[in-house]
Amino acid sequence: MHLPPLADWVLPGHDLNRTETGHRTIILNTDTPPILASSSAQPSRPSGTLQFIGVANLILCALFVILSVPFFLGQLRVLRSWPSAEAQVIRSEVAVEPTNKHDQLYAARLQVVYVVEQRPVTAELTSFQSSNYDQTSRRAAEFPVGSRHEIRYDPQNPKQARIGAGWNRRFFAVPLITLGCGACFGAIAAGFFLAARFR
């Protein structure tokens, strides 16, 4: 097969000009518009990671909020449906609670007596728990032997009672702490979503 000389080959989109010496030169045609490679826009990997972390924190937020609901309802049930009575403290002490950790857990243990339907009822109560002995001791000192305090008792089981029940932060401490943890995770999730959006 006979092929033409290399100088006779013409490339598409190019012009051939002959120089004074008779040789052919290839000149690029600059009028041809450049071809741009198109690619579909995809989110960057860091943005997707931030969104994933935000979703994880949002799930934790929802879990803590859901967990706080039974605690709130339980405390509300005590305030609305449990009758109140005046109880006298007959024993007040700081006890050591069993724990699997190396730190000891102290509890302010109370024994109170009150009257339900003209019958005396004796109940054992735990008013406070902490790993700090001094703090627990101060809490127990608020209920000296012989002092009288208002309690609320379960009408179905009068020995089940609560002392210090009321519309205060101490009585709602557990649901408030649980709800606060959920709010923190919710704020963290919002921060990650905003960071992913403006990245």
N, C-alpha and C. Protein backbone atom coordinates (compact mmCIF):
# COMPACT_ATOMS: atom_id res chain seq x y z
N MET A 1 0.86 -1.18 0.00
CA MET A 1 0.00 0.00 0.00
C MET A 1 0.89 1.23 0.00
N HIS A 2 0.56 2.18 -0.90
CA HIS A 2 1.37 3.40 -1.02
C HIS A 2 0.70 4.51 -0.22
N LEU A 3 1.40 5.08 0.78
CA LEU A 3 0.87 6.17 1.60
C LEU A 3 1.46 7.48 1.12
N PRO A 4 0.65 8.56 1.16
CA PRO A 4 1.19 9.86 0.74
C PRO A 4 2.19 10.35 1.74
N PRO A 5 3.09 11.24 1.28
CA PRO A 5 4.07 11.80 2.24
C PRO A 5 3.37 12.46 3.41
N LEU A 6 4.08 12.49 4.55
CA LEU A 6 3.53 13.08 5.78
C LEU A 6 3.13 14.52 5.58
N ALA A 7 3.88 15.22 4.72
CA ALA A 7 3.57 16.64 4.49
C ALA A 7 2.27 16.81 3.76
N ASP A 8 1.78 15.72 3.07
CA ASP A 8 0.53 15.83 2.33
C ASP A 8 -0.70 15.55 3.18
N TRP A 9 -0.49 15.08 4.42
CA TRP A 9 -1.64 14.78 5.29
C TRP A 9 -2.26 16.07 5.76
N VAL A 10 -3.58 16.17 5.70
CA VAL A 10 -4.31 17.37 6.14
C VAL A 10 -5.15 16.99 7.36
N LEU A 11 -4.97 17.70 8.46
CA LEU A 11 -5.74 17.44 9.67
C LEU A 11 -7.00 18.29 9.67
N PRO A 12 -8.11 17.76 10.09
CA PRO A 12 -9.35 18.55 10.12
C PRO A 12 -9.17 19.74 11.07
N GLY A 13 -9.73 20.87 10.67
CA GLY A 13 -9.67 22.05 11.50
C GLY A 13 -8.36 22.78 11.40
N HIS A 14 -7.48 22.43 10.44
CA HIS A 14 -6.18 23.09 10.29
C HIS A 14 -6.04 23.61 8.85
N ASP A 15 -5.24 24.62 8.70
CA ASP A 15 -4.97 25.19 7.37
C ASP A 15 -3.55 24.81 6.94
N LEU A 16 -3.38 24.57 5.67
CA LEU A 16 -2.06 24.26 5.13
C LEU A 16 -1.57 25.45 4.31
N ASN A 17 -0.43 25.94 4.62
CA ASN A 17 0.21 27.02 3.87
C ASN A 17 1.59 26.55 3.40
N ARG A 18 1.97 27.00 2.26
CA ARG A 18 3.27 26.62 1.70
C ARG A 18 4.23 27.79 1.90
N THR A 19 5.43 27.47 2.43
CA THR A 19 6.44 28.50 2.64
C THR A 19 7.18 28.78 1.36
N GLU A 20 8.08 29.74 1.43
CA GLU A 20 8.82 30.12 0.24
C GLU A 20 9.70 28.99 -0.27
N THR A 21 10.14 28.09 0.65
CA THR A 21 11.02 26.99 0.24
C THR A 21 10.26 25.82 -0.34
N GLY A 22 8.93 25.91 -0.33
CA GLY A 22 8.14 24.85 -0.92
C GLY A 22 7.67 23.82 0.08
N HIS A 23 8.06 23.94 1.32
CA HIS A 23 7.60 23.00 2.32
C HIS A 23 6.24 23.43 2.85
N ARG A 24 5.49 22.48 3.25
CA ARG A 24 4.16 22.76 3.82
C ARG A 24 4.26 22.87 5.34
N THR A 25 3.55 23.81 5.88
CA THR A 25 3.48 23.97 7.35
C THR A 25 2.03 23.91 7.76
N ILE A 26 1.82 23.36 8.96
CA ILE A 26 0.45 23.22 9.51
C ILE A 26 0.20 24.37 10.48
N ILE A 27 -0.83 25.14 10.26
CA ILE A 27 -1.18 26.29 11.12
C ILE A 27 -2.52 25.98 11.77
N LEU A 28 -2.55 26.08 13.08
CA LEU A 28 -3.79 25.80 13.84
C LEU A 28 -4.81 26.88 13.55
N ASN A 29 -5.99 26.45 13.23
CA ASN A 29 -7.09 27.39 12.97
C ASN A 29 -7.66 27.85 14.31
N THR A 30 -7.34 29.09 14.65
CA THR A 30 -7.78 29.62 15.95
C THR A 30 -9.24 30.00 15.97
N ASP A 31 -9.89 29.93 14.82
CA ASP A 31 -11.31 30.27 14.81
C ASP A 31 -12.19 29.16 15.35
N THR A 32 -11.60 27.95 15.51
CA THR A 32 -12.40 26.83 16.02
C THR A 32 -12.66 27.02 17.51
N PRO A 33 -13.90 27.07 17.94
CA PRO A 33 -14.19 27.29 19.38
C PRO A 33 -13.72 26.10 20.21
N PRO A 34 -13.20 26.37 21.39
CA PRO A 34 -12.74 25.26 22.26
C PRO A 34 -13.90 24.44 22.77
N ILE A 35 -13.63 23.17 22.96
CA ILE A 35 -14.65 22.25 23.48
C ILE A 35 -14.46 22.12 24.98
N LEU A 36 -15.49 22.46 25.73
CA LEU A 36 -15.43 22.39 27.19
C LEU A 36 -16.04 21.09 27.66
N ALA A 37 -15.34 20.42 28.54
CA ALA A 37 -15.87 19.18 29.10
C ALA A 37 -16.93 19.52 30.14
N SER A 38 -18.08 18.90 30.00
CA SER A 38 -19.17 19.14 30.95
C SER A 38 -19.21 18.02 31.98
N SER A 39 -19.44 18.40 33.19
CA SER A 39 -19.56 17.41 34.27
C SER A 39 -20.71 17.80 35.16
N SER A 40 -21.44 16.84 35.61
CA SER A 40 -22.57 17.10 36.50
C SER A 40 -22.07 17.56 37.85
N ALA A 41 -22.74 18.59 38.41
CA ALA A 41 -22.34 19.13 39.71
C ALA A 41 -22.69 18.14 40.82
N GLN A 42 -21.71 17.81 41.59
CA GLN A 42 -21.91 16.89 42.70
C GLN A 42 -21.41 17.54 43.98
N PRO A 43 -22.07 17.29 45.14
CA PRO A 43 -21.62 17.88 46.40
C PRO A 43 -20.26 17.36 46.79
N SER A 44 -19.48 18.24 47.36
CA SER A 44 -18.13 17.86 47.78
C SER A 44 -18.20 16.89 48.95
N ARG A 45 -17.14 16.13 49.10
CA ARG A 45 -17.11 15.13 50.17
C ARG A 45 -17.17 15.77 51.56
N PRO A 46 -16.43 16.88 51.83
CA PRO A 46 -16.55 17.49 53.17
C PRO A 46 -17.97 17.93 53.50
N SER A 47 -18.70 18.46 52.50
CA SER A 47 -20.07 18.88 52.75
C SER A 47 -20.95 17.69 53.12
N GLY A 48 -20.78 16.57 52.43
CA GLY A 48 -21.56 15.37 52.76
C GLY A 48 -21.24 14.84 54.13
N THR A 49 -19.97 14.93 54.55
CA THR A 49 -19.59 14.48 55.89
C THR A 49 -20.24 15.34 56.96
N LEU A 50 -20.27 16.65 56.74
CA LEU A 50 -20.90 17.55 57.71
C LEU A 50 -22.39 17.25 57.83
N GLN A 51 -23.04 16.98 56.71
CA GLN A 51 -24.47 16.65 56.75
C GLN A 51 -24.71 15.33 57.49
N PHE A 52 -23.83 14.36 57.28
CA PHE A 52 -23.98 13.07 57.98
C PHE A 52 -23.86 13.26 59.49
N ILE A 53 -22.87 14.05 59.93
CA ILE A 53 -22.70 14.31 61.37
C ILE A 53 -23.91 15.06 61.91
N GLY A 54 -24.43 15.99 61.11
CA GLY A 54 -25.62 16.73 61.54
C GLY A 54 -26.82 15.82 61.73
N VAL A 55 -27.01 14.88 60.82
CA VAL A 55 -28.13 13.93 60.95
C VAL A 55 -27.96 13.06 62.20
N ALA A 56 -26.73 12.61 62.47
CA ALA A 56 -26.48 11.79 63.66
C ALA A 56 -26.82 12.56 64.93
N ASN A 57 -26.43 13.81 65.01
CA ASN A 57 -26.74 14.62 66.18
C ASN A 57 -28.24 14.91 66.28
N LEU A 58 -28.89 15.05 65.14
CA LEU A 58 -30.33 15.28 65.15
C LEU A 58 -31.07 14.05 65.68
N ILE A 59 -30.59 12.86 65.35
CA ILE A 59 -31.20 11.63 65.87
C ILE A 59 -31.03 11.55 67.38
N LEU A 60 -29.82 11.89 67.88
CA LEU A 60 -29.60 11.90 69.33
C LEU A 60 -30.50 12.92 70.00
N CYS A 61 -30.69 14.07 69.37
CA CYS A 61 -31.58 15.09 69.92
C CYS A 61 -33.00 14.53 70.08
N ALA A 62 -33.50 13.87 69.03
CA ALA A 62 -34.84 13.31 69.08
C ALA A 62 -34.96 12.24 70.17
N LEU A 63 -33.93 11.40 70.32
CA LEU A 63 -33.97 10.35 71.34
C LEU A 63 -34.04 10.94 72.75
N PHE A 64 -33.24 11.96 73.03
CA PHE A 64 -33.26 12.56 74.36
C PHE A 64 -34.60 13.26 74.62
N VAL A 65 -35.15 13.91 73.61
CA VAL A 65 -36.46 14.56 73.79
C VAL A 65 -37.53 13.52 74.09
N ILE A 66 -37.48 12.40 73.36
CA ILE A 66 -38.47 11.34 73.59
C ILE A 66 -38.29 10.74 74.99
N LEU A 67 -37.04 10.56 75.43
CA LEU A 67 -36.81 10.01 76.77
C LEU A 67 -37.28 10.95 77.87
N SER A 68 -37.26 12.26 77.63
CA SER A 68 -37.67 13.20 78.67
C SER A 68 -39.17 13.22 78.88
N VAL A 69 -39.94 12.80 77.87
CA VAL A 69 -41.40 12.87 77.98
C VAL A 69 -41.94 12.01 79.12
N PRO A 70 -41.54 10.72 79.26
CA PRO A 70 -42.08 9.93 80.38
C PRO A 70 -41.72 10.52 81.74
N PHE A 71 -40.52 11.09 81.88
CA PHE A 71 -40.14 11.71 83.15
C PHE A 71 -41.04 12.90 83.48
N PHE A 72 -41.31 13.74 82.48
CA PHE A 72 -42.20 14.87 82.70
C PHE A 72 -43.60 14.40 83.07
N LEU A 73 -44.11 13.42 82.35
CA LEU A 73 -45.46 12.93 82.63
C LEU A 73 -45.54 12.30 84.01
N GLY A 74 -44.49 11.58 84.42
CA GLY A 74 -44.49 10.98 85.75
C GLY A 74 -44.53 12.01 86.86
N GLN A 75 -43.73 13.08 86.72
CA GLN A 75 -43.74 14.12 87.74
C GLN A 75 -45.06 14.87 87.75
N LEU A 76 -45.64 15.10 86.57
CA LEU A 76 -46.93 15.77 86.52
C LEU A 76 -48.02 14.93 87.16
N ARG A 77 -47.94 13.63 86.98
CA ARG A 77 -48.94 12.74 87.59
C ARG A 77 -48.87 12.81 89.11
N VAL A 78 -47.64 12.91 89.66
CA VAL A 78 -47.50 13.03 91.11
C VAL A 78 -48.15 14.31 91.60
N LEU A 79 -47.93 15.42 90.90
CA LEU A 79 -48.46 16.70 91.36
C LEU A 79 -49.97 16.79 91.21
N ARG A 80 -50.52 16.12 90.23
CA ARG A 80 -51.95 16.28 89.94
C ARG A 80 -52.83 15.24 90.60
N SER A 81 -52.33 14.02 90.79
CA SER A 81 -53.21 12.95 91.25
C SER A 81 -52.81 12.36 92.60
N TRP A 82 -51.62 12.62 93.10
CA TRP A 82 -51.23 12.07 94.40
C TRP A 82 -51.65 13.02 95.51
N PRO A 83 -52.38 12.53 96.50
CA PRO A 83 -52.77 13.39 97.63
C PRO A 83 -51.55 13.81 98.45
N SER A 84 -51.69 14.89 99.18
CA SER A 84 -50.61 15.39 100.03
C SER A 84 -50.94 15.10 101.49
N ALA A 85 -49.91 14.99 102.30
CA ALA A 85 -50.07 14.75 103.74
C ALA A 85 -48.85 15.33 104.45
N GLU A 86 -49.01 15.59 105.75
CA GLU A 86 -47.89 16.08 106.55
C GLU A 86 -47.18 14.88 107.18
N ALA A 87 -45.87 14.80 106.95
CA ALA A 87 -45.10 13.67 107.45
C ALA A 87 -44.06 14.16 108.43
N GLN A 88 -43.76 13.30 109.41
CA GLN A 88 -42.72 13.60 110.41
C GLN A 88 -41.52 12.70 110.17
N VAL A 89 -40.34 13.30 110.18
CA VAL A 89 -39.10 12.55 109.97
C VAL A 89 -38.73 11.84 111.27
N ILE A 90 -38.57 10.52 111.19
CA ILE A 90 -38.19 9.75 112.37
C ILE A 90 -36.76 9.19 112.24
N ARG A 91 -36.19 9.29 111.04
CA ARG A 91 -34.79 8.92 110.84
C ARG A 91 -34.21 9.66 109.64
N SER A 92 -32.99 10.16 109.80
CA SER A 92 -32.32 10.88 108.72
C SER A 92 -30.84 10.53 108.76
N GLU A 93 -30.32 10.01 107.67
CA GLU A 93 -28.94 9.56 107.65
C GLU A 93 -28.38 9.59 106.25
N VAL A 94 -27.05 9.51 106.16
CA VAL A 94 -26.36 9.41 104.87
C VAL A 94 -25.91 7.96 104.71
N ALA A 95 -26.38 7.32 103.67
CA ALA A 95 -26.04 5.92 103.42
C ALA A 95 -25.20 5.80 102.16
N VAL A 96 -24.44 4.71 102.09
CA VAL A 96 -23.60 4.43 100.92
C VAL A 96 -24.36 3.48 100.01
N GLU A 97 -24.56 3.91 98.76
CA GLU A 97 -25.28 3.09 97.79
C GLU A 97 -24.30 2.16 97.08
N PRO A 98 -24.68 0.91 96.81
CA PRO A 98 -23.81 0.00 96.05
C PRO A 98 -23.67 0.48 94.61
N THR A 99 -22.46 0.44 94.11
CA THR A 99 -22.18 0.87 92.74
C THR A 99 -21.07 0.02 92.16
N ASN A 100 -21.08 -0.13 90.84
CA ASN A 100 -20.05 -0.91 90.16
C ASN A 100 -18.78 -0.11 89.91
N LYS A 101 -18.85 1.19 90.08
CA LYS A 101 -17.69 2.03 89.84
C LYS A 101 -16.81 2.09 91.08
N HIS A 102 -15.62 2.66 90.89
CA HIS A 102 -14.70 2.80 92.00
C HIS A 102 -15.16 3.89 92.97
N ASP A 103 -15.84 4.92 92.46
CA ASP A 103 -16.33 5.99 93.32
C ASP A 103 -17.54 5.53 94.10
N GLN A 104 -17.67 6.05 95.32
CA GLN A 104 -18.81 5.71 96.15
C GLN A 104 -19.95 6.69 95.88
N LEU A 105 -21.17 6.18 95.97
CA LEU A 105 -22.36 6.99 95.79
C LEU A 105 -23.08 7.10 97.13
N TYR A 106 -23.33 8.33 97.57
CA TYR A 106 -23.98 8.57 98.86
C TYR A 106 -25.43 8.99 98.62
N ALA A 107 -26.27 8.65 99.58
CA ALA A 107 -27.70 8.95 99.48
C ALA A 107 -28.21 9.45 100.83
N ALA A 108 -29.07 10.46 100.77
CA ALA A 108 -29.74 10.96 101.97
C ALA A 108 -31.00 10.14 102.18
N ARG A 109 -30.95 9.24 103.14
CA ARG A 109 -32.07 8.33 103.42
C ARG A 109 -32.92 8.89 104.56
N LEU A 110 -34.22 8.86 104.33
CA LEU A 110 -35.18 9.35 105.33
C LEU A 110 -36.21 8.28 105.62
N GLN A 111 -36.64 8.27 106.87
CA GLN A 111 -37.80 7.47 107.25
C GLN A 111 -38.83 8.42 107.84
N VAL A 112 -40.02 8.40 107.24
CA VAL A 112 -41.06 9.33 107.66
C VAL A 112 -42.32 8.55 108.02
N VAL A 113 -43.17 9.19 108.83
CA VAL A 113 -44.46 8.61 109.21
C VAL A 113 -45.54 9.65 108.96
N TYR A 114 -46.65 9.21 108.40
CA TYR A 114 -47.77 10.10 108.11
C TYR A 114 -49.06 9.27 108.20
N VAL A 115 -50.17 9.96 108.17
CA VAL A 115 -51.48 9.32 108.38
C VAL A 115 -52.24 9.31 107.06
N VAL A 116 -52.74 8.13 106.68
CA VAL A 116 -53.58 7.97 105.50
C VAL A 116 -54.84 7.24 105.93
N GLU A 117 -55.98 7.92 105.79
CA GLU A 117 -57.29 7.36 106.18
C GLU A 117 -57.25 6.87 107.63
N GLN A 118 -56.72 7.73 108.50
CA GLN A 118 -56.66 7.50 109.94
C GLN A 118 -55.78 6.31 110.33
N ARG A 119 -54.85 5.95 109.46
CA ARG A 119 -53.91 4.88 109.77
C ARG A 119 -52.49 5.39 109.54
N PRO A 120 -51.58 5.14 110.49
CA PRO A 120 -50.20 5.60 110.31
C PRO A 120 -49.48 4.76 109.24
N VAL A 121 -48.71 5.44 108.42
CA VAL A 121 -47.96 4.80 107.35
C VAL A 121 -46.50 5.22 107.49
N THR A 122 -45.60 4.25 107.48
CA THR A 122 -44.17 4.53 107.55
C THR A 122 -43.55 4.23 106.19
N ALA A 123 -42.75 5.17 105.71
CA ALA A 123 -42.16 5.02 104.37
C ALA A 123 -40.68 5.37 104.42
N GLU A 124 -39.91 4.68 103.58
CA GLU A 124 -38.48 4.95 103.41
C GLU A 124 -38.31 5.77 102.14
N LEU A 125 -37.63 6.90 102.27
CA LEU A 125 -37.45 7.79 101.13
C LEU A 125 -35.97 8.07 100.91
N THR A 126 -35.61 8.30 99.67
CA THR A 126 -34.27 8.77 99.30
C THR A 126 -34.44 10.15 98.68
N SER A 127 -33.99 11.16 99.38
CA SER A 127 -34.23 12.53 98.93
C SER A 127 -33.12 13.06 98.04
N PHE A 128 -31.93 12.44 98.08
CA PHE A 128 -30.81 13.00 97.31
C PHE A 128 -29.75 11.92 97.14
N GLN A 129 -29.05 11.95 95.99
CA GLN A 129 -27.94 11.04 95.71
C GLN A 129 -26.81 11.81 95.05
N SER A 130 -25.58 11.52 95.48
CA SER A 130 -24.42 12.20 94.91
C SER A 130 -23.16 11.44 95.30
N SER A 131 -22.11 11.64 94.51
CA SER A 131 -20.81 11.08 94.87
C SER A 131 -20.04 11.99 95.82
N ASN A 132 -20.62 13.15 96.12
CA ASN A 132 -20.02 14.11 97.05
C ASN A 132 -20.66 13.92 98.42
N TYR A 133 -19.84 13.50 99.39
CA TYR A 133 -20.39 13.22 100.71
C TYR A 133 -20.88 14.49 101.40
N ASP A 134 -20.11 15.56 101.32
CA ASP A 134 -20.49 16.80 102.00
C ASP A 134 -21.81 17.34 101.45
N GLN A 135 -21.98 17.29 100.15
CA GLN A 135 -23.22 17.78 99.55
C GLN A 135 -24.41 16.93 99.97
N THR A 136 -24.20 15.62 100.03
CA THR A 136 -25.28 14.73 100.47
C THR A 136 -25.59 14.95 101.94
N SER A 137 -24.58 15.18 102.75
CA SER A 137 -24.80 15.42 104.18
C SER A 137 -25.59 16.71 104.40
N ARG A 138 -25.30 17.75 103.62
CA ARG A 138 -26.06 19.00 103.75
C ARG A 138 -27.51 18.79 103.36
N ARG A 139 -27.74 17.97 102.35
CA ARG A 139 -29.12 17.69 101.94
C ARG A 139 -29.86 16.94 103.04
N ALA A 140 -29.21 15.96 103.67
CA ALA A 140 -29.85 15.21 104.75
C ALA A 140 -30.12 16.11 105.95
N ALA A 141 -29.26 17.12 106.16
CA ALA A 141 -29.45 18.03 107.29
C ALA A 141 -30.70 18.90 107.14
N GLU A 142 -31.23 19.00 105.93
CA GLU A 142 -32.47 19.76 105.72
C GLU A 142 -33.68 19.03 106.29
N PHE A 143 -33.51 17.77 106.65
CA PHE A 143 -34.62 16.97 107.18
C PHE A 143 -34.20 16.35 108.51
N PRO A 144 -34.04 17.17 109.57
CA PRO A 144 -33.63 16.60 110.87
C PRO A 144 -34.76 15.77 111.48
N VAL A 145 -34.38 14.89 112.35
CA VAL A 145 -35.37 14.05 113.04
C VAL A 145 -36.33 14.93 113.83
N GLY A 146 -37.61 14.65 113.71
CA GLY A 146 -38.64 15.43 114.38
C GLY A 146 -39.25 16.52 113.53
N SER A 147 -38.60 16.88 112.43
CA SER A 147 -39.15 17.94 111.57
C SER A 147 -40.32 17.40 110.75
N ARG A 148 -41.19 18.31 110.34
CA ARG A 148 -42.38 17.94 109.57
C ARG A 148 -42.30 18.54 108.18
N HIS A 149 -42.71 17.74 107.19
CA HIS A 149 -42.65 18.18 105.80
C HIS A 149 -43.86 17.64 105.04
N GLU A 150 -44.23 18.35 103.99
CA GLU A 150 -45.32 17.89 103.14
C GLU A 150 -44.81 16.82 102.19
N ILE A 151 -45.56 15.75 102.08
CA ILE A 151 -45.24 14.68 101.14
C ILE A 151 -46.46 14.41 100.27
N ARG A 152 -46.24 13.75 99.17
CA ARG A 152 -47.32 13.26 98.31
C ARG A 152 -47.17 11.75 98.19
N TYR A 153 -48.28 11.04 98.34
CA TYR A 153 -48.25 9.58 98.34
C TYR A 153 -49.17 9.03 97.26
N ASP A 154 -48.83 7.84 96.80
CA ASP A 154 -49.62 7.15 95.78
C ASP A 154 -50.88 6.60 96.44
N PRO A 155 -52.06 7.00 95.99
CA PRO A 155 -53.29 6.47 96.62
C PRO A 155 -53.45 4.96 96.46
N GLN A 156 -52.85 4.38 95.43
CA GLN A 156 -52.93 2.94 95.25
C GLN A 156 -51.92 2.20 96.13
N ASN A 157 -50.83 2.87 96.49
CA ASN A 157 -49.80 2.30 97.33
C ASN A 157 -49.26 3.40 98.26
N PRO A 158 -49.90 3.62 99.40
CA PRO A 158 -49.56 4.75 100.27
C PRO A 158 -48.10 4.76 100.75
N LYS A 159 -47.43 3.61 100.75
CA LYS A 159 -46.03 3.60 101.16
C LYS A 159 -45.10 4.22 100.12
N GLN A 160 -45.62 4.41 98.91
CA GLN A 160 -44.86 5.07 97.85
C GLN A 160 -45.12 6.56 97.96
N ALA A 161 -44.11 7.31 98.38
CA ALA A 161 -44.29 8.74 98.62
C ALA A 161 -43.13 9.54 98.04
N ARG A 162 -43.38 10.83 97.85
CA ARG A 162 -42.37 11.76 97.37
C ARG A 162 -42.32 12.95 98.34
N ILE A 163 -41.12 13.35 98.69
CA ILE A 163 -40.94 14.52 99.54
C ILE A 163 -40.31 15.63 98.71
N GLY A 164 -40.77 16.85 98.93
CA GLY A 164 -40.27 17.98 98.15
C GLY A 164 -40.87 18.09 96.78
N ALA A 165 -42.01 17.42 96.54
CA ALA A 165 -42.66 17.49 95.23
C ALA A 165 -43.28 18.87 95.05
N GLY A 166 -43.06 19.46 93.90
CA GLY A 166 -43.62 20.78 93.62
C GLY A 166 -43.12 21.29 92.28
N TRP A 167 -43.59 22.50 91.93
CA TRP A 167 -43.20 23.10 90.65
C TRP A 167 -41.86 23.80 90.83
N ASN A 168 -40.81 23.02 90.95
CA ASN A 168 -39.48 23.57 91.14
C ASN A 168 -38.48 22.76 90.31
N ARG A 169 -37.30 23.35 90.13
CA ARG A 169 -36.28 22.71 89.29
C ARG A 169 -35.74 21.44 89.92
N ARG A 170 -35.69 21.39 91.24
CA ARG A 170 -35.17 20.19 91.89
C ARG A 170 -36.07 18.98 91.63
N PHE A 171 -37.37 19.19 91.69
CA PHE A 171 -38.29 18.07 91.47
C PHE A 171 -38.29 17.63 90.01
N PHE A 172 -38.10 18.58 89.08
CA PHE A 172 -38.08 18.26 87.65
C PHE A 172 -36.65 18.17 87.12
N ALA A 173 -35.68 17.89 87.98
CA ALA A 173 -34.27 17.90 87.57
C ALA A 173 -33.99 16.85 86.48
N VAL A 174 -34.47 15.64 86.66
CA VAL A 174 -34.17 14.56 85.70
C VAL A 174 -34.74 14.87 84.31
N PRO A 175 -36.03 15.20 84.18
CA PRO A 175 -36.52 15.51 82.82
C PRO A 175 -35.88 16.75 82.23
N LEU A 176 -35.57 17.74 83.07
CA LEU A 176 -34.94 18.95 82.54
C LEU A 176 -33.53 18.67 82.03
N ILE A 177 -32.77 17.85 82.76
CA ILE A 177 -31.43 17.50 82.30
C ILE A 177 -31.49 16.70 81.00
N THR A 178 -32.43 15.76 80.92
CA THR A 178 -32.58 14.97 79.70
C THR A 178 -32.97 15.84 78.52
N LEU A 179 -33.90 16.76 78.75
CA LEU A 179 -34.31 17.67 77.69
C LEU A 179 -33.17 18.61 77.30
N GLY A 180 -32.38 19.04 78.28
CA GLY A 180 -31.23 19.89 77.98
C GLY A 180 -30.20 19.20 77.10
N CYS A 181 -29.96 17.91 77.36
CA CYS A 181 -29.04 17.15 76.51
C CYS A 181 -29.56 17.09 75.07
N GLY A 182 -30.87 16.88 74.93
CA GLY A 182 -31.45 16.87 73.59
C GLY A 182 -31.30 18.21 72.89
N ALA A 183 -31.48 19.32 73.64
CA ALA A 183 -31.32 20.65 73.06
C ALA A 183 -29.88 20.88 72.61
N CYS A 184 -28.92 20.39 73.39
CA CYS A 184 -27.50 20.55 73.00
C CYS A 184 -27.21 19.82 71.70
N PHE A 185 -27.67 18.58 71.58
CA PHE A 185 -27.45 17.84 70.35
C PHE A 185 -28.17 18.51 69.17
N GLY A 186 -29.35 19.09 69.43
CA GLY A 186 -30.05 19.80 68.37
C GLY A 186 -29.29 21.02 67.89
N ALA A 187 -28.69 21.76 68.82
CA ALA A 187 -27.89 22.93 68.44
C ALA A 187 -26.65 22.52 67.65
N ILE A 188 -26.02 21.42 68.06
CA ILE A 188 -24.85 20.92 67.32
C ILE A 188 -25.25 20.51 65.91
N ALA A 189 -26.40 19.84 65.78
CA ALA A 189 -26.87 19.43 64.45
C ALA A 189 -27.13 20.65 63.58
N ALA A 190 -27.75 21.69 64.12
CA ALA A 190 -28.00 22.91 63.34
C ALA A 190 -26.69 23.54 62.88
N GLY A 191 -25.69 23.52 63.74
CA GLY A 191 -24.39 24.08 63.36
C GLY A 191 -23.76 23.33 62.20
N PHE A 192 -23.83 22.01 62.22
CA PHE A 192 -23.26 21.22 61.13
C PHE A 192 -24.03 21.43 59.83
N PHE A 193 -25.36 21.54 59.91
CA PHE A 193 -26.15 21.78 58.71
C PHE A 193 -25.83 23.14 58.09
N LEU A 194 -25.67 24.16 58.92
CA LEU A 194 -25.31 25.49 58.41
C LEU A 194 -23.91 25.48 57.80
N ALA A 195 -22.99 24.78 58.45
CA ALA A 195 -21.63 24.70 57.91
C ALA A 195 -21.60 24.01 56.56
N ALA A 196 -22.42 22.95 56.41
CA ALA A 196 -22.47 22.24 55.12
C ALA A 196 -23.13 23.08 54.05
N ARG A 197 -24.08 23.92 54.43
CA ARG A 197 -24.80 24.73 53.45
C ARG A 197 -23.93 25.86 52.89
N PHE A 198 -23.17 26.48 53.75
CA PHE A 198 -22.37 27.63 53.31
C PHE A 198 -20.92 27.25 52.98
N ARG A 199 -20.63 25.99 52.90
CA ARG A 199 -19.26 25.57 52.59
C ARG A 199 -18.99 25.76 51.10
